[in-house]
ModelCIF file with pLDDT and N, C-alpha, C, O atoms, coordinates in Angstrom:
data_MODEL
#
_entry.id   MODEL 
#
_entity.id                         1 
_entity.type                       polymer 
_entity.pdbx_number_of_molecules   1 
#
_entity_poly.entity_id                      1 
_entity_poly.type                           'polypeptide(L)' 
_entity_poly.nstd_linkage                   no 
_entity_poly.nstd_monomer                   no 
_entity_poly.pdbx_seq_one_letter_code       AGNRRLQETRWDVVVLDRMLPGQVDGIGILEQMRARGDG 
_entity_poly.pdbx_seq_one_letter_code_can   AGNRRLQETRWDVVVLDRMLPGQVDGIGILEQMRARGDG 
_entity_poly.pdbx_strand_id                 A 
#
loop_
_entity_poly_seq.entity_id 
_entity_poly_seq.num 
_entity_poly_seq.mon_id 
_entity_poly_seq.hetero 
1 1  ALA n 
1 2  GLY n 
1 3  ASN n 
1 4  ARG n 
1 5  ARG n 
1 6  LEU n 
1 7  GLN n 
1 8  GLU n 
1 9  THR n 
1 10 ARG n 
1 11 TRP n 
1 12 ASP n 
1 13 VAL n 
1 14 VAL n 
1 15 VAL n 
1 16 LEU n 
1 17 ASP n 
1 18 ARG n 
1 19 MET n 
1 20 LEU n 
1 21 PRO n 
1 22 GLY n 
1 23 GLN n 
1 24 VAL n 
1 25 ASP n 
1 26 GLY n 
1 27 ILE n 
1 28 GLY n 
1 29 ILE n 
1 30 LEU n 
1 31 GLU n 
1 32 GLN n 
1 33 MET n 
1 34 ARG n 
1 35 ALA n 
1 36 ARG n 
1 37 GLY n 
1 38 ASP n 
1 39 GLY n 
#
_struct_asym.id          A 
_struct_asym.entity_id   1 
#
loop_
_ma_qa_metric.id 
_ma_qa_metric.mode 
_ma_qa_metric.name 
_ma_qa_metric.software_group_id 
_ma_qa_metric.type 
1 global pLDDT . pLDDT 
2 local  pLDDT . pLDDT 
#
_ma_qa_metric_global.metric_id      1 
_ma_qa_metric_global.metric_value   87.51 
_ma_qa_metric_global.model_id       1 
_ma_qa_metric_global.ordinal_id     1 
#
loop_
_ma_qa_metric_local.label_asym_id 
_ma_qa_metric_local.label_comp_id 
_ma_qa_metric_local.label_seq_id 
_ma_qa_metric_local.metric_id 
_ma_qa_metric_local.metric_value 
_ma_qa_metric_local.model_id 
_ma_qa_metric_local.ordinal_id 
A ALA 1  2 93.00 1 1  
A GLY 2  2 93.00 1 2  
A ASN 3  2 90.00 1 3  
A ARG 4  2 89.00 1 4  
A ARG 5  2 90.00 1 5  
A LEU 6  2 90.00 1 6  
A GLN 7  2 85.00 1 7  
A GLU 8  2 82.00 1 8  
A THR 9  2 82.00 1 9  
A ARG 10 2 80.00 1 10 
A TRP 11 2 88.00 1 11 
A ASP 12 2 89.00 1 12 
A VAL 13 2 93.00 1 13 
A VAL 14 2 96.00 1 14 
A VAL 15 2 97.00 1 15 
A LEU 16 2 96.00 1 16 
A ASP 17 2 95.00 1 17 
A ARG 18 2 93.00 1 18 
A MET 19 2 91.00 1 19 
A LEU 20 2 91.00 1 20 
A PRO 21 2 87.00 1 21 
A GLY 22 2 81.00 1 22 
A GLN 23 2 85.00 1 23 
A VAL 24 2 88.00 1 24 
A ASP 25 2 91.00 1 25 
A GLY 26 2 92.00 1 26 
A ILE 27 2 93.00 1 27 
A GLY 28 2 92.00 1 28 
A ILE 29 2 92.00 1 29 
A LEU 30 2 91.00 1 30 
A GLU 31 2 88.00 1 31 
A GLN 32 2 87.00 1 32 
A MET 33 2 85.00 1 33 
A ARG 34 2 81.00 1 34 
A ALA 35 2 77.00 1 35 
A ARG 36 2 74.00 1 36 
A GLY 37 2 70.00 1 37 
A ASP 38 2 77.00 1 38 
A GLY 39 2 79.00 1 39 
#
loop_
_atom_site.group_PDB 
_atom_site.id 
_atom_site.type_symbol 
_atom_site.label_atom_id 
_atom_site.label_alt_id 
_atom_site.label_comp_id 
_atom_site.label_asym_id 
_atom_site.label_entity_id 
_atom_site.label_seq_id 
_atom_site.pdbx_PDB_ins_code 
_atom_site.Cartn_x 
_atom_site.Cartn_y 
_atom_site.Cartn_z 
_atom_site.occupancy 
_atom_site.B_iso_or_equiv 
_atom_site.pdbx_formal_charge 
_atom_site.auth_seq_id 
_atom_site.auth_comp_id 
_atom_site.auth_asym_id 
_atom_site.auth_atom_id 
_atom_site.pdbx_PDB_model_num 
ATOM 1   N N  . ALA A 1 1  ? -178.096 -74.072 -11.057 1.00 93.00 ? 1  ALA A N  1 
ATOM 2   C CA . ALA A 1 1  ? -179.557 -74.062 -10.969 1.00 93.00 ? 1  ALA A CA 1 
ATOM 3   C C  . ALA A 1 1  ? -180.061 -72.733 -10.413 1.00 93.00 ? 1  ALA A C  1 
ATOM 4   O O  . ALA A 1 1  ? -181.078 -72.208 -10.867 1.00 93.00 ? 1  ALA A O  1 
ATOM 5   N N  . GLY A 1 2  ? -179.346 -72.196 -9.432  1.00 93.00 ? 2  GLY A N  1 
ATOM 6   C CA . GLY A 1 2  ? -179.737 -70.909 -8.869  1.00 93.00 ? 2  GLY A CA 1 
ATOM 7   C C  . GLY A 1 2  ? -179.682 -69.792 -9.888  1.00 93.00 ? 2  GLY A C  1 
ATOM 8   O O  . GLY A 1 2  ? -180.566 -68.938 -9.934  1.00 93.00 ? 2  GLY A O  1 
ATOM 9   N N  . ASN A 1 3  ? -178.646 -69.799 -10.701 1.00 90.00 ? 3  ASN A N  1 
ATOM 10  C CA . ASN A 1 3  ? -178.496 -68.774 -11.727 1.00 90.00 ? 3  ASN A CA 1 
ATOM 11  C C  . ASN A 1 3  ? -179.631 -68.839 -12.741 1.00 90.00 ? 3  ASN A C  1 
ATOM 12  O O  . ASN A 1 3  ? -180.154 -67.806 -13.161 1.00 90.00 ? 3  ASN A O  1 
ATOM 13  N N  . ARG A 1 4  ? -180.013 -70.054 -13.136 1.00 89.00 ? 4  ARG A N  1 
ATOM 14  C CA . ARG A 1 4  ? -181.133 -70.202 -14.077 1.00 89.00 ? 4  ARG A CA 1 
ATOM 15  C C  . ARG A 1 4  ? -182.420 -69.676 -13.460 1.00 89.00 ? 4  ARG A C  1 
ATOM 16  O O  . ARG A 1 4  ? -183.179 -68.958 -14.111 1.00 89.00 ? 4  ARG A O  1 
ATOM 17  N N  . ARG A 1 5  ? -182.666 -70.034 -12.197 1.00 90.00 ? 5  ARG A N  1 
ATOM 18  C CA . ARG A 1 5  ? -183.902 -69.595 -11.552 1.00 90.00 ? 5  ARG A CA 1 
ATOM 19  C C  . ARG A 1 5  ? -183.958 -68.079 -11.412 1.00 90.00 ? 5  ARG A C  1 
ATOM 20  O O  . ARG A 1 5  ? -185.031 -67.484 -11.514 1.00 90.00 ? 5  ARG A O  1 
ATOM 21  N N  . LEU A 1 6  ? -182.820 -67.459 -11.183 1.00 90.00 ? 6  LEU A N  1 
ATOM 22  C CA . LEU A 1 6  ? -182.764 -66.004 -11.076 1.00 90.00 ? 6  LEU A CA 1 
ATOM 23  C C  . LEU A 1 6  ? -183.204 -65.328 -12.363 1.00 90.00 ? 6  LEU A C  1 
ATOM 24  O O  . LEU A 1 6  ? -183.807 -64.254 -12.331 1.00 90.00 ? 6  LEU A O  1 
ATOM 25  N N  . GLN A 1 7  ? -182.907 -65.951 -13.491 1.00 85.00 ? 7  GLN A N  1 
ATOM 26  C CA . GLN A 1 7  ? -183.231 -65.343 -14.779 1.00 85.00 ? 7  GLN A CA 1 
ATOM 27  C C  . GLN A 1 7  ? -184.640 -65.688 -15.249 1.00 85.00 ? 7  GLN A C  1 
ATOM 28  O O  . GLN A 1 7  ? -185.156 -65.059 -16.172 1.00 85.00 ? 7  GLN A O  1 
ATOM 29  N N  . GLU A 1 8  ? -185.259 -66.672 -14.626 1.00 82.00 ? 8  GLU A N  1 
ATOM 30  C CA . GLU A 1 8  ? -186.593 -67.100 -15.035 1.00 82.00 ? 8  GLU A CA 1 
ATOM 31  C C  . GLU A 1 8  ? -187.705 -66.368 -14.296 1.00 82.00 ? 8  GLU A C  1 
ATOM 32  O O  . GLU A 1 8  ? -188.817 -66.249 -14.809 1.00 82.00 ? 8  GLU A O  1 
ATOM 33  N N  . THR A 1 9  ? -187.416 -65.881 -13.105 1.00 82.00 ? 9  THR A N  1 
ATOM 34  C CA . THR A 1 9  ? -188.455 -65.338 -12.227 1.00 82.00 ? 9  THR A CA 1 
ATOM 35  C C  . THR A 1 9  ? -187.974 -64.051 -11.577 1.00 82.00 ? 9  THR A C  1 
ATOM 36  O O  . THR A 1 9  ? -186.780 -63.881 -11.327 1.00 82.00 ? 9  THR A O  1 
ATOM 37  N N  . ARG A 1 10 ? -188.898 -63.157 -11.306 1.00 80.00 ? 10 ARG A N  1 
ATOM 38  C CA . ARG A 1 10 ? -188.569 -61.950 -10.549 1.00 80.00 ? 10 ARG A CA 1 
ATOM 39  C C  . ARG A 1 10 ? -188.640 -62.260 -9.060  1.00 80.00 ? 10 ARG A C  1 
ATOM 40  O O  . ARG A 1 10 ? -189.604 -62.864 -8.589  1.00 80.00 ? 10 ARG A O  1 
ATOM 41  N N  . TRP A 1 11 ? -187.617 -61.846 -8.327  1.00 88.00 ? 11 TRP A N  1 
ATOM 42  C CA . TRP A 1 11 ? -187.549 -62.104 -6.893  1.00 88.00 ? 11 TRP A CA 1 
ATOM 43  C C  . TRP A 1 11 ? -187.510 -60.788 -6.125  1.00 88.00 ? 11 TRP A C  1 
ATOM 44  O O  . TRP A 1 11 ? -186.976 -59.788 -6.604  1.00 88.00 ? 11 TRP A O  1 
ATOM 45  N N  . ASP A 1 12 ? -188.085 -60.806 -4.929  1.00 89.00 ? 12 ASP A N  1 
ATOM 46  C CA . ASP A 1 12 ? -188.022 -59.634 -4.067  1.00 89.00 ? 12 ASP A CA 1 
ATOM 47  C C  . ASP A 1 12 ? -186.714 -59.599 -3.286  1.00 89.00 ? 12 ASP A C  1 
ATOM 48  O O  . ASP A 1 12 ? -186.199 -58.527 -2.970  1.00 89.00 ? 12 ASP A O  1 
ATOM 49  N N  . VAL A 1 13 ? -186.183 -60.774 -2.979  1.00 93.00 ? 13 VAL A N  1 
ATOM 50  C CA . VAL A 1 13 ? -184.933 -60.863 -2.218  1.00 93.00 ? 13 VAL A CA 1 
ATOM 51  C C  . VAL A 1 13 ? -184.332 -62.250 -2.424  1.00 93.00 ? 13 VAL A C  1 
ATOM 52  O O  . VAL A 1 13 ? -185.052 -63.224 -2.644  1.00 93.00 ? 13 VAL A O  1 
ATOM 53  N N  . VAL A 1 14 ? -182.998 -62.327 -2.350  1.00 96.00 ? 14 VAL A N  1 
ATOM 54  C CA . VAL A 1 14 ? -182.287 -63.594 -2.520  1.00 96.00 ? 14 VAL A CA 1 
ATOM 55  C C  . VAL A 1 14 ? -181.400 -63.824 -1.304  1.00 96.00 ? 14 VAL A C  1 
ATOM 56  O O  . VAL A 1 14 ? -180.672 -62.927 -0.879  1.00 96.00 ? 14 VAL A O  1 
ATOM 57  N N  . VAL A 1 15 ? -181.464 -65.041 -0.743  1.00 97.00 ? 15 VAL A N  1 
ATOM 58  C CA . VAL A 1 15 ? -180.540 -65.463 0.308   1.00 97.00 ? 15 VAL A CA 1 
ATOM 59  C C  . VAL A 1 15 ? -179.558 -66.425 -0.354  1.00 97.00 ? 15 VAL A C  1 
ATOM 60  O O  . VAL A 1 15 ? -179.947 -67.494 -0.824  1.00 97.00 ? 15 VAL A O  1 
ATOM 61  N N  . LEU A 1 16 ? -178.292 -66.040 -0.388  1.00 96.00 ? 16 LEU A N  1 
ATOM 62  C CA . LEU A 1 16 ? -177.296 -66.722 -1.219  1.00 96.00 ? 16 LEU A CA 1 
ATOM 63  C C  . LEU A 1 16 ? -176.130 -67.236 -0.385  1.00 96.00 ? 16 LEU A C  1 
ATOM 64  O O  . LEU A 1 16 ? -175.457 -66.465 0.298   1.00 96.00 ? 16 LEU A O  1 
ATOM 65  N N  . ASP A 1 17 ? -175.897 -68.548 -0.447  1.00 95.00 ? 17 ASP A N  1 
ATOM 66  C CA . ASP A 1 17 ? -174.752 -69.131 0.240   1.00 95.00 ? 17 ASP A CA 1 
ATOM 67  C C  . ASP A 1 17 ? -173.469 -68.732 -0.487  1.00 95.00 ? 17 ASP A C  1 
ATOM 68  O O  . ASP A 1 17 ? -173.400 -68.770 -1.715  1.00 95.00 ? 17 ASP A O  1 
ATOM 69  N N  . ARG A 1 18 ? -172.470 -68.356 0.279   1.00 93.00 ? 18 ARG A N  1 
ATOM 70  C CA . ARG A 1 18 ? -171.190 -67.921 -0.307  1.00 93.00 ? 18 ARG A CA 1 
ATOM 71  C C  . ARG A 1 18 ? -170.456 -69.059 -0.990  1.00 93.00 ? 18 ARG A C  1 
ATOM 72  O O  . ARG A 1 18 ? -169.915 -68.871 -2.080  1.00 93.00 ? 18 ARG A O  1 
ATOM 73  N N  . MET A 1 19 ? -170.425 -70.245 -0.373  1.00 91.00 ? 19 MET A N  1 
ATOM 74  C CA . MET A 1 19 ? -169.673 -71.377 -0.922  1.00 91.00 ? 19 MET A CA 1 
ATOM 75  C C  . MET A 1 19 ? -170.641 -72.441 -1.414  1.00 91.00 ? 19 MET A C  1 
ATOM 76  O O  . MET A 1 19 ? -171.322 -73.089 -0.620  1.00 91.00 ? 19 MET A O  1 
ATOM 77  N N  . LEU A 1 20 ? -170.697 -72.617 -2.730  1.00 91.00 ? 20 LEU A N  1 
ATOM 78  C CA . LEU A 1 20 ? -171.610 -73.563 -3.356  1.00 91.00 ? 20 LEU A CA 1 
ATOM 79  C C  . LEU A 1 20 ? -170.824 -74.575 -4.176  1.00 91.00 ? 20 LEU A C  1 
ATOM 80  O O  . LEU A 1 20 ? -169.753 -74.250 -4.690  1.00 91.00 ? 20 LEU A O  1 
ATOM 81  N N  . PRO A 1 21 ? -171.338 -75.803 -4.309  1.00 87.00 ? 21 PRO A N  1 
ATOM 82  C CA . PRO A 1 21 ? -170.659 -76.786 -5.147  1.00 87.00 ? 21 PRO A CA 1 
ATOM 83  C C  . PRO A 1 21 ? -170.828 -76.462 -6.628  1.00 87.00 ? 21 PRO A C  1 
ATOM 84  O O  . PRO A 1 21 ? -171.745 -75.731 -7.004  1.00 87.00 ? 21 PRO A O  1 
ATOM 85  N N  . GLY A 1 22 ? -169.956 -76.999 -7.459  1.00 81.00 ? 22 GLY A N  1 
ATOM 86  C CA . GLY A 1 22 ? -170.061 -76.776 -8.887  1.00 81.00 ? 22 GLY A CA 1 
ATOM 87  C C  . GLY A 1 22 ? -169.149 -75.666 -9.359  1.00 81.00 ? 22 GLY A C  1 
ATOM 88  O O  . GLY A 1 22 ? -168.255 -75.231 -8.633  1.00 81.00 ? 22 GLY A O  1 
ATOM 89  N N  . GLN A 1 23 ? -169.376 -75.216 -10.564 1.00 85.00 ? 23 GLN A N  1 
ATOM 90  C CA . GLN A 1 23 ? -168.492 -74.251 -11.208 1.00 85.00 ? 23 GLN A CA 1 
ATOM 91  C C  . GLN A 1 23 ? -168.782 -72.810 -10.813 1.00 85.00 ? 23 GLN A C  1 
ATOM 92  O O  . GLN A 1 23 ? -167.941 -71.932 -11.008 1.00 85.00 ? 23 GLN A O  1 
ATOM 93  N N  . VAL A 1 24 ? -169.968 -72.558 -10.259 1.00 88.00 ? 24 VAL A N  1 
ATOM 94  C CA . VAL A 1 24 ? -170.357 -71.185 -9.919  1.00 88.00 ? 24 VAL A CA 1 
ATOM 95  C C  . VAL A 1 24 ? -170.640 -71.098 -8.422  1.00 88.00 ? 24 VAL A C  1 
ATOM 96  O O  . VAL A 1 24 ? -171.567 -71.741 -7.929  1.00 88.00 ? 24 VAL A O  1 
ATOM 97  N N  . ASP A 1 25 ? -169.850 -70.309 -7.696  1.00 91.00 ? 25 ASP A N  1 
ATOM 98  C CA . ASP A 1 25 ? -170.112 -70.129 -6.273  1.00 91.00 ? 25 ASP A CA 1 
ATOM 99  C C  . ASP A 1 25 ? -170.961 -68.881 -6.056  1.00 91.00 ? 25 ASP A C  1 
ATOM 100 O O  . ASP A 1 25 ? -171.412 -68.253 -7.014  1.00 91.00 ? 25 ASP A O  1 
ATOM 101 N N  . GLY A 1 26 ? -171.176 -68.528 -4.791  1.00 92.00 ? 26 GLY A N  1 
ATOM 102 C CA . GLY A 1 26 ? -172.042 -67.392 -4.501  1.00 92.00 ? 26 GLY A CA 1 
ATOM 103 C C  . GLY A 1 26 ? -171.539 -66.086 -5.075  1.00 92.00 ? 26 GLY A C  1 
ATOM 104 O O  . GLY A 1 26 ? -172.324 -65.296 -5.599  1.00 92.00 ? 26 GLY A O  1 
ATOM 105 N N  . ILE A 1 27 ? -170.241 -65.846 -4.985  1.00 93.00 ? 27 ILE A N  1 
ATOM 106 C CA . ILE A 1 27 ? -169.679 -64.622 -5.548  1.00 93.00 ? 27 ILE A CA 1 
ATOM 107 C C  . ILE A 1 27 ? -169.860 -64.598 -7.063  1.00 93.00 ? 27 ILE A C  1 
ATOM 108 O O  . ILE A 1 27 ? -170.163 -63.554 -7.640  1.00 93.00 ? 27 ILE A O  1 
ATOM 109 N N  . GLY A 1 28 ? -169.673 -65.748 -7.704  1.00 92.00 ? 28 GLY A N  1 
ATOM 110 C CA . GLY A 1 28 ? -169.862 -65.819 -9.151  1.00 92.00 ? 28 GLY A CA 1 
ATOM 111 C C  . GLY A 1 28 ? -171.287 -65.502 -9.563  1.00 92.00 ? 28 GLY A C  1 
ATOM 112 O O  . GLY A 1 28 ? -171.511 -64.776 -10.532 1.00 92.00 ? 28 GLY A O  1 
ATOM 113 N N  . ILE A 1 29 ? -172.256 -66.048 -8.824  1.00 92.00 ? 29 ILE A N  1 
ATOM 114 C CA . ILE A 1 29 ? -173.665 -65.750 -9.104  1.00 92.00 ? 29 ILE A CA 1 
ATOM 115 C C  . ILE A 1 29 ? -173.925 -64.256 -8.963  1.00 92.00 ? 29 ILE A C  1 
ATOM 116 O O  . ILE A 1 29 ? -174.564 -63.643 -9.819  1.00 92.00 ? 29 ILE A O  1 
ATOM 117 N N  . LEU A 1 30 ? -173.431 -63.686 -7.890  1.00 91.00 ? 30 LEU A N  1 
ATOM 118 C CA . LEU A 1 30 ? -173.640 -62.267 -7.613  1.00 91.00 ? 30 LEU A CA 1 
ATOM 119 C C  . LEU A 1 30 ? -173.044 -61.401 -8.718  1.00 91.00 ? 30 LEU A C  1 
ATOM 120 O O  . LEU A 1 30 ? -173.684 -60.459 -9.185  1.00 91.00 ? 30 LEU A O  1 
ATOM 121 N N  . GLU A 1 31 ? -171.835 -61.714 -9.130  1.00 88.00 ? 31 GLU A N  1 
ATOM 122 C CA . GLU A 1 31 ? -171.183 -60.933 -10.186 1.00 88.00 ? 31 GLU A CA 1 
ATOM 123 C C  . GLU A 1 31 ? -171.951 -61.032 -11.493 1.00 88.00 ? 31 GLU A C  1 
ATOM 124 O O  . GLU A 1 31 ? -172.072 -60.042 -12.214 1.00 88.00 ? 31 GLU A O  1 
ATOM 125 N N  . GLN A 1 32 ? -172.472 -62.216 -11.807 1.00 87.00 ? 32 GLN A N  1 
ATOM 126 C CA . GLN A 1 32 ? -173.251 -62.368 -13.033 1.00 87.00 ? 32 GLN A CA 1 
ATOM 127 C C  . GLN A 1 32 ? -174.575 -61.616 -12.959 1.00 87.00 ? 32 GLN A C  1 
ATOM 128 O O  . GLN A 1 32 ? -175.011 -61.024 -13.947 1.00 87.00 ? 32 GLN A O  1 
ATOM 129 N N  . MET A 1 33 ? -175.213 -61.637 -11.794 1.00 85.00 ? 33 MET A N  1 
ATOM 130 C CA . MET A 1 33 ? -176.450 -60.882 -11.611 1.00 85.00 ? 33 MET A CA 1 
ATOM 131 C C  . MET A 1 33 ? -176.227 -59.405 -11.890 1.00 85.00 ? 33 MET A C  1 
ATOM 132 O O  . MET A 1 33 ? -176.961 -58.795 -12.667 1.00 85.00 ? 33 MET A O  1 
ATOM 133 N N  . ARG A 1 34 ? -175.211 -58.832 -11.255 1.00 81.00 ? 34 ARG A N  1 
ATOM 134 C CA . ARG A 1 34 ? -174.978 -57.398 -11.403 1.00 81.00 ? 34 ARG A CA 1 
ATOM 135 C C  . ARG A 1 34 ? -174.514 -57.049 -12.812 1.00 81.00 ? 34 ARG A C  1 
ATOM 136 O O  . ARG A 1 34 ? -174.820 -55.968 -13.313 1.00 81.00 ? 34 ARG A O  1 
ATOM 137 N N  . ALA A 1 35 ? -173.774 -57.958 -13.460 1.00 77.00 ? 35 ALA A N  1 
ATOM 138 C CA . ALA A 1 35 ? -173.306 -57.691 -14.823 1.00 77.00 ? 35 ALA A CA 1 
ATOM 139 C C  . ALA A 1 35 ? -174.462 -57.602 -15.806 1.00 77.00 ? 35 ALA A C  1 
ATOM 140 O O  . ALA A 1 35 ? -174.395 -56.851 -16.779 1.00 77.00 ? 35 ALA A O  1 
ATOM 141 N N  . ARG A 1 36 ? -175.523 -58.365 -15.560 1.00 74.00 ? 36 ARG A N  1 
ATOM 142 C CA . ARG A 1 36 ? -176.664 -58.293 -16.474 1.00 74.00 ? 36 ARG A CA 1 
ATOM 143 C C  . ARG A 1 36 ? -177.713 -57.285 -16.002 1.00 74.00 ? 36 ARG A C  1 
ATOM 144 O O  . ARG A 1 36 ? -178.811 -57.221 -16.555 1.00 74.00 ? 36 ARG A O  1 
ATOM 145 N N  . GLY A 1 37 ? -177.371 -56.496 -14.975 1.00 70.00 ? 37 GLY A N  1 
ATOM 146 C CA . GLY A 1 37 ? -178.245 -55.422 -14.528 1.00 70.00 ? 37 GLY A CA 1 
ATOM 147 C C  . GLY A 1 37 ? -179.326 -55.838 -13.563 1.00 70.00 ? 37 GLY A C  1 
ATOM 148 O O  . GLY A 1 37 ? -180.262 -55.074 -13.328 1.00 70.00 ? 37 GLY A O  1 
ATOM 149 N N  . ASP A 1 38 ? -179.231 -57.025 -12.995 1.00 77.00 ? 38 ASP A N  1 
ATOM 150 C CA . ASP A 1 38 ? -180.221 -57.504 -12.035 1.00 77.00 ? 38 ASP A CA 1 
ATOM 151 C C  . ASP A 1 38 ? -179.915 -56.897 -10.667 1.00 77.00 ? 38 ASP A C  1 
ATOM 152 O O  . ASP A 1 38 ? -178.908 -57.228 -10.042 1.00 77.00 ? 38 ASP A O  1 
ATOM 153 N N  . GLY A 1 39 ? -180.792 -56.009 -10.214 1.00 79.00 ? 39 GLY A N  1 
ATOM 154 C CA . GLY A 1 39 ? -180.574 -55.316 -8.955  1.00 79.00 ? 39 GLY A CA 1 
ATOM 155 C C  . GLY A 1 39 ? -181.293 -55.913 -7.770  1.00 79.00 ? 39 GLY A C  1 
ATOM 156 O O  . GLY A 1 39 ? -181.177 -55.403 -6.655  1.00 79.00 ? 39 GLY A O  1 
#
């Protein structure tokens, strides 16, 4: 859900928990953000 919200809206800052339930943890979200150029 966090990953979807990141792509739907522009954010000024993100506070991201390192260990999240499900298939994507905090590191995974971060890596996907940077891979798609989200700074």
